[in-house]
Amino acid sequence: MAELIAYFSRRDENYVSGALKQLEVGNTEVVAGIIKKLTVADMFQIEPKKAYSKDYNACIAQAQEDQRSNARPELKAWPQDMEQYDTIYLGYPNYWGTMPMAVFTFLEHYDFNGKTIRPFCTHEGSGLGSSVSDIKRLCPGANVEKGLAIHGSLVNRAEKEVGAWI
């Protein structure tokens, strides 16, 4: 069986080390790339059809409203054949204490019974929040392993930490 790195990431203006910075590559995508380098996993980016604002403050307001309304944003695309994967590395930034709602959409779309989900998130101080328990609730038949939380400001120096987690 194969492995998949499914991740949500956002470039543009982000909060990093106490300041707003423009990112060419989102922090979670950087970690997904490290996992790709250390494994033979395929990659899939979870992207909502309606992208969040490039402006950080507008983005967090949109993300909070999505969470408040329990939204399930429509996605741009889906992996072609989820049946082939037995392990899914699931990546996302911490949005308001959990995953972005597009990740909820992704998880609710598939049957993860018997599959292993290895969550990883990027954050600026809030860690995994309730995301692991949310994954377990959404995917009750999956084996949800211990998650990895990496400070977004440290992703470019996280290869050793990611390797130890893998």
N, C-alpha and C. Protein backbone atom coordinates (compact mmCIF):
# COMPACT_ATOMS: atom_id res chain seq x y z
N MET A 1 0.84 -1.19 0.00
CA MET A 1 0.00 0.00 0.00
C MET A 1 0.88 1.25 0.00
N ALA A 2 0.27 2.35 -0.40
CA ALA A 2 1.01 3.60 -0.58
C ALA A 2 0.70 4.59 0.54
N GLU A 3 1.49 5.67 0.55
CA GLU A 3 1.31 6.75 1.51
C GLU A 3 0.97 8.04 0.78
N LEU A 4 0.18 8.88 1.43
CA LEU A 4 -0.22 10.16 0.86
C LEU A 4 0.03 11.27 1.87
N ILE A 5 0.58 12.37 1.38
CA ILE A 5 0.68 13.60 2.18
C ILE A 5 -0.43 14.50 1.66
N ALA A 6 -1.49 14.64 2.45
CA ALA A 6 -2.60 15.54 2.11
C ALA A 6 -2.47 16.75 3.04
N TYR A 7 -2.38 17.94 2.48
CA TYR A 7 -2.11 19.11 3.32
C TYR A 7 -2.84 20.34 2.82
N PHE A 8 -3.19 21.20 3.75
CA PHE A 8 -3.72 22.52 3.48
C PHE A 8 -2.63 23.50 3.90
N SER A 9 -2.32 24.44 3.05
CA SER A 9 -1.29 25.43 3.38
C SER A 9 -1.67 26.76 2.75
N ARG A 10 -1.22 27.83 3.34
CA ARG A 10 -1.53 29.16 2.83
C ARG A 10 -0.27 30.01 2.78
N ARG A 11 0.01 30.50 1.58
CA ARG A 11 1.13 31.44 1.42
C ARG A 11 0.58 32.84 1.62
N ASP A 12 1.19 33.82 1.10
CA ASP A 12 0.79 35.22 1.21
C ASP A 12 1.11 35.76 2.60
N GLU A 13 0.35 36.72 3.09
CA GLU A 13 0.65 37.36 4.37
C GLU A 13 0.28 36.42 5.52
N ASN A 14 1.26 36.14 6.39
CA ASN A 14 1.08 35.24 7.52
C ASN A 14 1.69 35.85 8.77
N TYR A 15 1.24 35.37 9.90
CA TYR A 15 1.78 35.78 11.19
C TYR A 15 2.94 34.84 11.51
N VAL A 16 4.15 35.40 11.64
CA VAL A 16 5.35 34.60 11.90
C VAL A 16 6.20 35.34 12.93
N SER A 17 6.48 34.68 14.04
CA SER A 17 7.34 35.25 15.09
C SER A 17 6.92 36.65 15.53
N GLY A 18 5.63 36.83 15.69
CA GLY A 18 5.13 38.10 16.21
C GLY A 18 4.96 39.21 15.21
N ALA A 19 5.15 38.92 13.92
CA ALA A 19 4.99 39.96 12.89
C ALA A 19 4.34 39.37 11.65
N LEU A 20 3.74 40.22 10.85
CA LEU A 20 3.17 39.78 9.58
C LEU A 20 4.28 39.75 8.53
N LYS A 21 4.35 38.61 7.83
CA LYS A 21 5.37 38.43 6.79
C LYS A 21 4.74 37.83 5.55
N GLN A 22 5.30 38.17 4.42
CA GLN A 22 4.86 37.63 3.15
C GLN A 22 5.58 36.30 2.90
N LEU A 23 4.84 35.22 2.70
CA LEU A 23 5.45 33.91 2.45
C LEU A 23 5.21 33.47 1.01
N GLU A 24 6.28 33.09 0.34
CA GLU A 24 6.17 32.54 -1.02
C GLU A 24 5.60 31.13 -0.98
N VAL A 25 5.95 30.37 0.06
CA VAL A 25 5.46 29.01 0.27
C VAL A 25 4.92 28.96 1.69
N GLY A 26 3.71 28.42 1.84
CA GLY A 26 3.11 28.33 3.17
C GLY A 26 3.90 27.40 4.08
N ASN A 27 3.83 27.66 5.38
CA ASN A 27 4.59 26.87 6.35
C ASN A 27 4.24 25.38 6.31
N THR A 28 2.97 25.05 6.20
CA THR A 28 2.58 23.64 6.17
C THR A 28 3.09 22.96 4.91
N GLU A 29 3.12 23.69 3.81
CA GLU A 29 3.66 23.14 2.56
C GLU A 29 5.15 22.85 2.70
N VAL A 30 5.87 23.68 3.44
CA VAL A 30 7.30 23.43 3.68
C VAL A 30 7.46 22.09 4.41
N VAL A 31 6.66 21.87 5.47
CA VAL A 31 6.74 20.61 6.22
C VAL A 31 6.32 19.43 5.33
N ALA A 32 5.28 19.61 4.52
CA ALA A 32 4.87 18.54 3.60
C ALA A 32 6.02 18.18 2.67
N GLY A 33 6.76 19.18 2.21
CA GLY A 33 7.91 18.92 1.34
C GLY A 33 9.01 18.15 2.05
N ILE A 34 9.20 18.42 3.34
CA ILE A 34 10.19 17.66 4.11
C ILE A 34 9.75 16.21 4.22
N ILE A 35 8.47 15.99 4.50
CA ILE A 35 7.96 14.61 4.58
C ILE A 35 8.14 13.91 3.24
N LYS A 36 7.85 14.61 2.15
CA LYS A 36 8.03 14.04 0.81
C LYS A 36 9.49 13.63 0.60
N LYS A 37 10.40 14.46 1.02
CA LYS A 37 11.83 14.18 0.87
C LYS A 37 12.24 12.94 1.66
N LEU A 38 11.61 12.71 2.83
CA LEU A 38 12.00 11.62 3.72
C LEU A 38 11.20 10.33 3.51
N THR A 39 10.19 10.38 2.66
CA THR A 39 9.34 9.20 2.41
C THR A 39 9.16 9.02 0.91
N VAL A 40 8.37 8.05 0.55
CA VAL A 40 8.01 7.85 -0.86
C VAL A 40 6.55 8.26 -1.09
N ALA A 41 5.99 9.03 -0.17
CA ALA A 41 4.57 9.39 -0.22
C ALA A 41 4.25 10.31 -1.40
N ASP A 42 3.04 10.14 -1.93
CA ASP A 42 2.49 11.07 -2.92
C ASP A 42 2.04 12.32 -2.18
N MET A 43 1.85 13.42 -2.93
CA MET A 43 1.40 14.67 -2.31
C MET A 43 0.10 15.14 -2.95
N PHE A 44 -0.76 15.71 -2.10
CA PHE A 44 -2.01 16.32 -2.56
C PHE A 44 -2.28 17.54 -1.71
N GLN A 45 -2.50 18.69 -2.36
CA GLN A 45 -2.81 19.91 -1.63
C GLN A 45 -4.32 20.09 -1.55
N ILE A 46 -4.82 20.23 -0.34
CA ILE A 46 -6.24 20.49 -0.08
C ILE A 46 -6.46 21.99 -0.28
N GLU A 47 -7.28 22.34 -1.29
CA GLU A 47 -7.50 23.74 -1.60
C GLU A 47 -8.99 24.03 -1.74
N PRO A 48 -9.50 25.01 -1.02
CA PRO A 48 -10.90 25.37 -1.22
C PRO A 48 -11.09 26.07 -2.56
N LYS A 49 -12.26 25.88 -3.17
CA LYS A 49 -12.54 26.58 -4.44
C LYS A 49 -12.46 28.08 -4.26
N LYS A 50 -12.98 28.57 -3.14
CA LYS A 50 -12.90 30.00 -2.83
C LYS A 50 -11.75 30.20 -1.85
N ALA A 51 -10.66 30.71 -2.35
CA ALA A 51 -9.45 30.87 -1.53
C ALA A 51 -9.67 31.93 -0.46
N TYR A 52 -8.95 31.75 0.65
CA TYR A 52 -8.94 32.78 1.68
C TYR A 52 -8.22 34.02 1.16
N SER A 53 -8.50 35.15 1.77
CA SER A 53 -7.87 36.41 1.40
C SER A 53 -6.35 36.30 1.55
N LYS A 54 -5.64 37.05 0.73
CA LYS A 54 -4.18 37.12 0.85
C LYS A 54 -3.78 37.97 2.05
N ASP A 55 -4.68 38.83 2.50
CA ASP A 55 -4.46 39.67 3.67
C ASP A 55 -4.68 38.83 4.93
N TYR A 56 -3.71 38.84 5.83
CA TYR A 56 -3.77 37.97 7.02
C TYR A 56 -5.01 38.23 7.87
N ASN A 57 -5.26 39.49 8.20
CA ASN A 57 -6.39 39.78 9.08
C ASN A 57 -7.73 39.42 8.45
N ALA A 58 -7.87 39.65 7.16
CA ALA A 58 -9.10 39.24 6.47
C ALA A 58 -9.21 37.72 6.46
N CYS A 59 -8.09 37.04 6.25
CA CYS A 59 -8.07 35.58 6.24
C CYS A 59 -8.53 35.00 7.58
N ILE A 60 -7.98 35.52 8.68
CA ILE A 60 -8.36 34.94 9.97
C ILE A 60 -9.82 35.23 10.30
N ALA A 61 -10.33 36.36 9.83
CA ALA A 61 -11.76 36.65 10.03
C ALA A 61 -12.61 35.65 9.24
N GLN A 62 -12.20 35.37 7.99
CA GLN A 62 -12.92 34.39 7.17
C GLN A 62 -12.86 33.01 7.81
N ALA A 63 -11.67 32.63 8.28
CA ALA A 63 -11.49 31.31 8.89
C ALA A 63 -12.33 31.18 10.16
N GLN A 64 -12.38 32.24 10.96
CA GLN A 64 -13.18 32.19 12.17
C GLN A 64 -14.67 32.10 11.84
N GLU A 65 -15.12 32.81 10.83
CA GLU A 65 -16.53 32.73 10.43
C GLU A 65 -16.86 31.33 9.90
N ASP A 66 -15.95 30.74 9.11
CA ASP A 66 -16.16 29.37 8.64
C ASP A 66 -16.33 28.41 9.82
N GLN A 67 -15.49 28.58 10.81
CA GLN A 67 -15.56 27.70 11.98
C GLN A 67 -16.85 27.96 12.76
N ARG A 68 -17.19 29.20 12.96
CA ARG A 68 -18.40 29.56 13.70
C ARG A 68 -19.64 28.98 13.04
N SER A 69 -19.67 28.99 11.71
CA SER A 69 -20.84 28.48 10.98
C SER A 69 -20.71 26.99 10.64
N ASN A 70 -19.62 26.35 11.09
CA ASN A 70 -19.36 24.93 10.81
C ASN A 70 -19.40 24.65 9.31
N ALA A 71 -18.82 25.55 8.54
CA ALA A 71 -18.82 25.47 7.07
C ALA A 71 -18.03 24.26 6.57
N ARG A 72 -18.40 23.81 5.40
CA ARG A 72 -17.65 22.77 4.70
C ARG A 72 -17.36 23.31 3.30
N PRO A 73 -16.28 24.10 3.17
CA PRO A 73 -15.97 24.71 1.88
C PRO A 73 -15.76 23.65 0.79
N GLU A 74 -16.26 23.95 -0.38
CA GLU A 74 -16.06 23.07 -1.53
C GLU A 74 -14.59 23.10 -1.91
N LEU A 75 -14.06 21.94 -2.29
CA LEU A 75 -12.65 21.85 -2.66
C LEU A 75 -12.46 21.92 -4.18
N LYS A 76 -11.28 22.41 -4.60
CA LYS A 76 -10.95 22.50 -6.03
C LYS A 76 -10.81 21.12 -6.66
N ALA A 77 -10.26 20.17 -5.94
CA ALA A 77 -9.97 18.84 -6.50
C ALA A 77 -9.92 17.82 -5.38
N TRP A 78 -9.88 16.56 -5.77
CA TRP A 78 -9.82 15.43 -4.83
C TRP A 78 -8.76 14.45 -5.33
N PRO A 79 -8.10 13.73 -4.42
CA PRO A 79 -7.19 12.67 -4.88
C PRO A 79 -7.96 11.67 -5.74
N GLN A 80 -7.32 11.15 -6.76
CA GLN A 80 -7.99 10.25 -7.70
C GLN A 80 -8.40 8.92 -7.07
N ASP A 81 -7.54 8.33 -6.27
CA ASP A 81 -7.81 6.99 -5.76
C ASP A 81 -7.33 6.86 -4.33
N MET A 82 -8.19 7.19 -3.38
CA MET A 82 -7.81 7.10 -1.97
C MET A 82 -7.67 5.66 -1.49
N GLU A 83 -8.28 4.72 -2.19
CA GLU A 83 -8.22 3.31 -1.78
C GLU A 83 -6.79 2.79 -1.73
N GLN A 84 -5.93 3.31 -2.58
CA GLN A 84 -4.55 2.80 -2.65
C GLN A 84 -3.69 3.20 -1.45
N TYR A 85 -4.15 4.18 -0.66
CA TYR A 85 -3.34 4.68 0.44
C TYR A 85 -3.75 4.04 1.77
N ASP A 86 -2.76 3.55 2.49
CA ASP A 86 -3.05 3.03 3.83
C ASP A 86 -2.58 3.98 4.92
N THR A 87 -1.66 4.91 4.58
CA THR A 87 -1.19 5.91 5.54
C THR A 87 -1.35 7.29 4.91
N ILE A 88 -1.96 8.19 5.68
CA ILE A 88 -2.14 9.57 5.23
C ILE A 88 -1.46 10.49 6.24
N TYR A 89 -0.46 11.23 5.77
CA TYR A 89 0.12 12.31 6.55
C TYR A 89 -0.79 13.51 6.29
N LEU A 90 -1.46 13.99 7.31
CA LEU A 90 -2.46 15.05 7.16
C LEU A 90 -1.92 16.34 7.76
N GLY A 91 -1.69 17.35 6.92
CA GLY A 91 -1.08 18.59 7.37
C GLY A 91 -1.99 19.79 7.24
N TYR A 92 -1.83 20.73 8.16
CA TYR A 92 -2.67 21.92 8.20
C TYR A 92 -2.07 22.93 9.18
N PRO A 93 -2.39 24.20 9.00
CA PRO A 93 -2.05 25.19 10.03
C PRO A 93 -3.13 25.14 11.10
N ASN A 94 -2.81 25.56 12.30
CA ASN A 94 -3.81 25.65 13.36
C ASN A 94 -4.61 26.92 13.11
N TYR A 95 -5.90 26.74 12.81
CA TYR A 95 -6.82 27.87 12.65
C TYR A 95 -7.80 27.82 13.80
N TRP A 96 -7.72 28.78 14.68
CA TRP A 96 -8.66 28.91 15.79
C TRP A 96 -8.78 27.63 16.60
N GLY A 97 -7.65 27.00 16.88
CA GLY A 97 -7.62 25.86 17.78
C GLY A 97 -7.82 24.51 17.13
N THR A 98 -8.00 24.47 15.81
CA THR A 98 -8.17 23.20 15.11
C THR A 98 -7.72 23.36 13.66
N MET A 99 -8.26 22.52 12.80
CA MET A 99 -7.88 22.54 11.38
C MET A 99 -8.75 23.54 10.62
N PRO A 100 -8.27 24.04 9.47
CA PRO A 100 -9.14 24.82 8.60
C PRO A 100 -10.33 23.95 8.17
N MET A 101 -11.46 24.59 7.95
CA MET A 101 -12.68 23.84 7.65
C MET A 101 -12.58 23.05 6.33
N ALA A 102 -11.72 23.47 5.42
CA ALA A 102 -11.52 22.70 4.18
C ALA A 102 -10.96 21.31 4.50
N VAL A 103 -10.19 21.19 5.58
CA VAL A 103 -9.67 19.88 5.98
C VAL A 103 -10.81 19.01 6.51
N PHE A 104 -11.76 19.62 7.21
CA PHE A 104 -12.96 18.89 7.63
C PHE A 104 -13.70 18.34 6.41
N THR A 105 -13.84 19.18 5.37
CA THR A 105 -14.48 18.75 4.12
C THR A 105 -13.77 17.52 3.57
N PHE A 106 -12.47 17.58 3.50
CA PHE A 106 -11.66 16.48 2.97
C PHE A 106 -11.89 15.20 3.79
N LEU A 107 -11.81 15.30 5.10
CA LEU A 107 -11.94 14.11 5.95
C LEU A 107 -13.34 13.49 5.88
N GLU A 108 -14.35 14.32 5.75
CA GLU A 108 -15.73 13.80 5.69
C GLU A 108 -16.07 13.19 4.34
N HIS A 109 -15.25 13.44 3.34
CA HIS A 109 -15.52 12.94 1.98
C HIS A 109 -15.14 11.47 1.80
N TYR A 110 -14.22 10.98 2.61
CA TYR A 110 -13.69 9.63 2.43
C TYR A 110 -13.96 8.74 3.63
N ASP A 111 -13.88 7.45 3.39
CA ASP A 111 -13.96 6.45 4.46
C ASP A 111 -12.53 6.09 4.84
N PHE A 112 -12.12 6.45 6.03
CA PHE A 112 -10.76 6.20 6.50
C PHE A 112 -10.67 4.96 7.38
N ASN A 113 -11.70 4.14 7.40
CA ASN A 113 -11.68 2.91 8.20
C ASN A 113 -10.46 2.07 7.84
N GLY A 114 -9.70 1.67 8.85
CA GLY A 114 -8.52 0.82 8.64
C GLY A 114 -7.29 1.56 8.17
N LYS A 115 -7.39 2.85 7.90
CA LYS A 115 -6.23 3.62 7.45
C LYS A 115 -5.56 4.29 8.65
N THR A 116 -4.30 4.64 8.48
CA THR A 116 -3.55 5.36 9.51
C THR A 116 -3.45 6.82 9.11
N ILE A 117 -3.81 7.69 10.02
CA ILE A 117 -3.68 9.13 9.80
C ILE A 117 -2.62 9.66 10.75
N ARG A 118 -1.63 10.34 10.17
CA ARG A 118 -0.53 10.92 10.95
C ARG A 118 -0.61 12.45 10.82
N PRO A 119 -1.27 13.13 11.78
CA PRO A 119 -1.46 14.57 11.67
C PRO A 119 -0.20 15.38 11.97
N PHE A 120 -0.04 16.45 11.21
CA PHE A 120 1.02 17.43 11.51
C PHE A 120 0.46 18.82 11.27
N CYS A 121 0.85 19.74 12.14
CA CYS A 121 0.36 21.10 11.96
C CYS A 121 1.47 22.11 12.20
N THR A 122 1.25 23.28 11.64
CA THR A 122 2.12 24.42 11.89
C THR A 122 1.32 25.44 12.69
N HIS A 123 2.01 26.19 13.52
CA HIS A 123 1.33 27.11 14.43
C HIS A 123 2.35 28.14 14.92
N GLU A 124 1.85 29.13 15.61
CA GLU A 124 2.73 30.13 16.22
C GLU A 124 2.52 30.17 17.73
N GLY A 125 2.24 29.02 18.33
CA GLY A 125 2.14 28.96 19.77
C GLY A 125 1.00 28.12 20.30
N SER A 126 0.07 27.73 19.45
CA SER A 126 -1.12 27.01 19.93
C SER A 126 -1.06 25.51 19.68
N GLY A 127 0.02 25.01 19.15
CA GLY A 127 0.19 23.57 18.96
C GLY A 127 -0.90 22.94 18.12
N LEU A 128 -1.23 21.70 18.45
CA LEU A 128 -2.24 20.94 17.71
C LEU A 128 -3.66 21.33 18.09
N GLY A 129 -3.83 22.07 19.19
CA GLY A 129 -5.17 22.43 19.64
C GLY A 129 -6.04 21.19 19.79
N SER A 130 -7.27 21.26 19.33
CA SER A 130 -8.19 20.11 19.40
C SER A 130 -8.21 19.30 18.11
N SER A 131 -7.26 19.57 17.20
CA SER A 131 -7.32 18.95 15.88
C SER A 131 -7.25 17.42 15.91
N VAL A 132 -6.43 16.85 16.76
CA VAL A 132 -6.31 15.38 16.79
C VAL A 132 -7.63 14.76 17.26
N SER A 133 -8.24 15.32 18.29
CA SER A 133 -9.53 14.78 18.74
C SER A 133 -10.60 15.01 17.68
N ASP A 134 -10.52 16.11 16.94
CA ASP A 134 -11.46 16.34 15.84
C ASP A 134 -11.28 15.30 14.74
N ILE A 135 -10.05 14.96 14.41
CA ILE A 135 -9.79 13.92 13.40
C ILE A 135 -10.35 12.58 13.88
N LYS A 136 -10.12 12.25 15.13
CA LYS A 136 -10.63 10.99 15.67
C LYS A 136 -12.16 10.94 15.62
N ARG A 137 -12.81 12.07 15.88
CA ARG A 137 -14.27 12.15 15.83
C ARG A 137 -14.77 12.00 14.39
N LEU A 138 -14.09 12.63 13.44
CA LEU A 138 -14.50 12.58 12.04
C LEU A 138 -14.17 11.25 11.36
N CYS A 139 -13.15 10.56 11.84
CA CYS A 139 -12.66 9.32 11.23
C CYS A 139 -12.58 8.23 12.29
N PRO A 140 -13.72 7.79 12.85
CA PRO A 140 -13.69 6.87 13.99
C PRO A 140 -13.06 5.51 13.69
N GLY A 141 -13.03 5.09 12.44
CA GLY A 141 -12.44 3.79 12.11
C GLY A 141 -10.97 3.86 11.75
N ALA A 142 -10.39 5.05 11.82
CA ALA A 142 -8.98 5.22 11.46
C ALA A 142 -8.10 5.08 12.69
N ASN A 143 -6.86 4.70 12.45
CA ASN A 143 -5.83 4.71 13.49
C ASN A 143 -5.17 6.08 13.41
N VAL A 144 -5.52 6.97 14.33
CA VAL A 144 -4.96 8.33 14.33
C VAL A 144 -3.77 8.34 15.28
N GLU A 145 -2.59 8.51 14.72
CA GLU A 145 -1.36 8.47 15.51
C GLU A 145 -1.05 9.83 16.13
N LYS A 146 -0.04 9.83 16.98
CA LYS A 146 0.38 11.05 17.65
C LYS A 146 0.76 12.11 16.61
N GLY A 147 0.25 13.31 16.81
CA GLY A 147 0.52 14.38 15.87
C GLY A 147 1.82 15.10 16.14
N LEU A 148 2.26 15.86 15.15
CA LEU A 148 3.47 16.66 15.23
C LEU A 148 3.08 18.12 15.03
N ALA A 149 3.47 18.97 15.97
CA ALA A 149 3.21 20.40 15.88
C ALA A 149 4.54 21.14 15.75
N ILE A 150 4.66 21.96 14.72
CA ILE A 150 5.90 22.69 14.46
C ILE A 150 5.59 24.19 14.37
N HIS A 151 6.36 24.99 15.09
CA HIS A 151 6.21 26.44 14.97
C HIS A 151 6.46 26.84 13.52
N GLY A 152 5.55 27.63 12.98
CA GLY A 152 5.70 28.07 11.60
C GLY A 152 7.01 28.78 11.34
N SER A 153 7.47 29.55 12.31
CA SER A 153 8.72 30.29 12.14
C SER A 153 9.94 29.38 12.11
N LEU A 154 9.76 28.09 12.45
CA LEU A 154 10.89 27.15 12.51
C LEU A 154 10.84 26.07 11.43
N VAL A 155 9.90 26.15 10.50
CA VAL A 155 9.73 25.06 9.53
C VAL A 155 10.97 24.82 8.67
N ASN A 156 11.71 25.84 8.37
CA ASN A 156 12.89 25.66 7.52
C ASN A 156 14.05 24.96 8.23
N ARG A 157 13.90 24.78 9.54
CA ARG A 157 14.92 24.06 10.32
C ARG A 157 14.33 22.83 10.99
N ALA A 158 13.24 22.28 10.44
CA ALA A 158 12.50 21.21 11.12
C ALA A 158 12.78 19.80 10.59
N GLU A 159 13.71 19.64 9.67
CA GLU A 159 13.92 18.33 9.05
C GLU A 159 14.26 17.24 10.08
N LYS A 160 15.11 17.55 11.03
CA LYS A 160 15.49 16.56 12.04
C LYS A 160 14.28 16.16 12.89
N GLU A 161 13.49 17.15 13.30
CA GLU A 161 12.28 16.88 14.10
C GLU A 161 11.25 16.06 13.31
N VAL A 162 11.07 16.41 12.05
CA VAL A 162 10.13 15.66 11.19
C VAL A 162 10.64 14.25 10.99
N GLY A 163 11.94 14.09 10.74
CA GLY A 163 12.51 12.76 10.55
C GLY A 163 12.32 11.88 11.77
N ALA A 164 12.51 12.43 12.96
CA ALA A 164 12.32 11.67 14.20
C ALA A 164 10.87 11.24 14.35
N TRP A 165 9.94 12.10 13.97
CA TRP A 165 8.50 11.80 14.05
C TRP A 165 8.11 10.71 13.05
N ILE A 166 8.68 10.77 11.86
CA ILE A 166 8.37 9.74 10.85
C ILE A 166 8.88 8.40 11.32
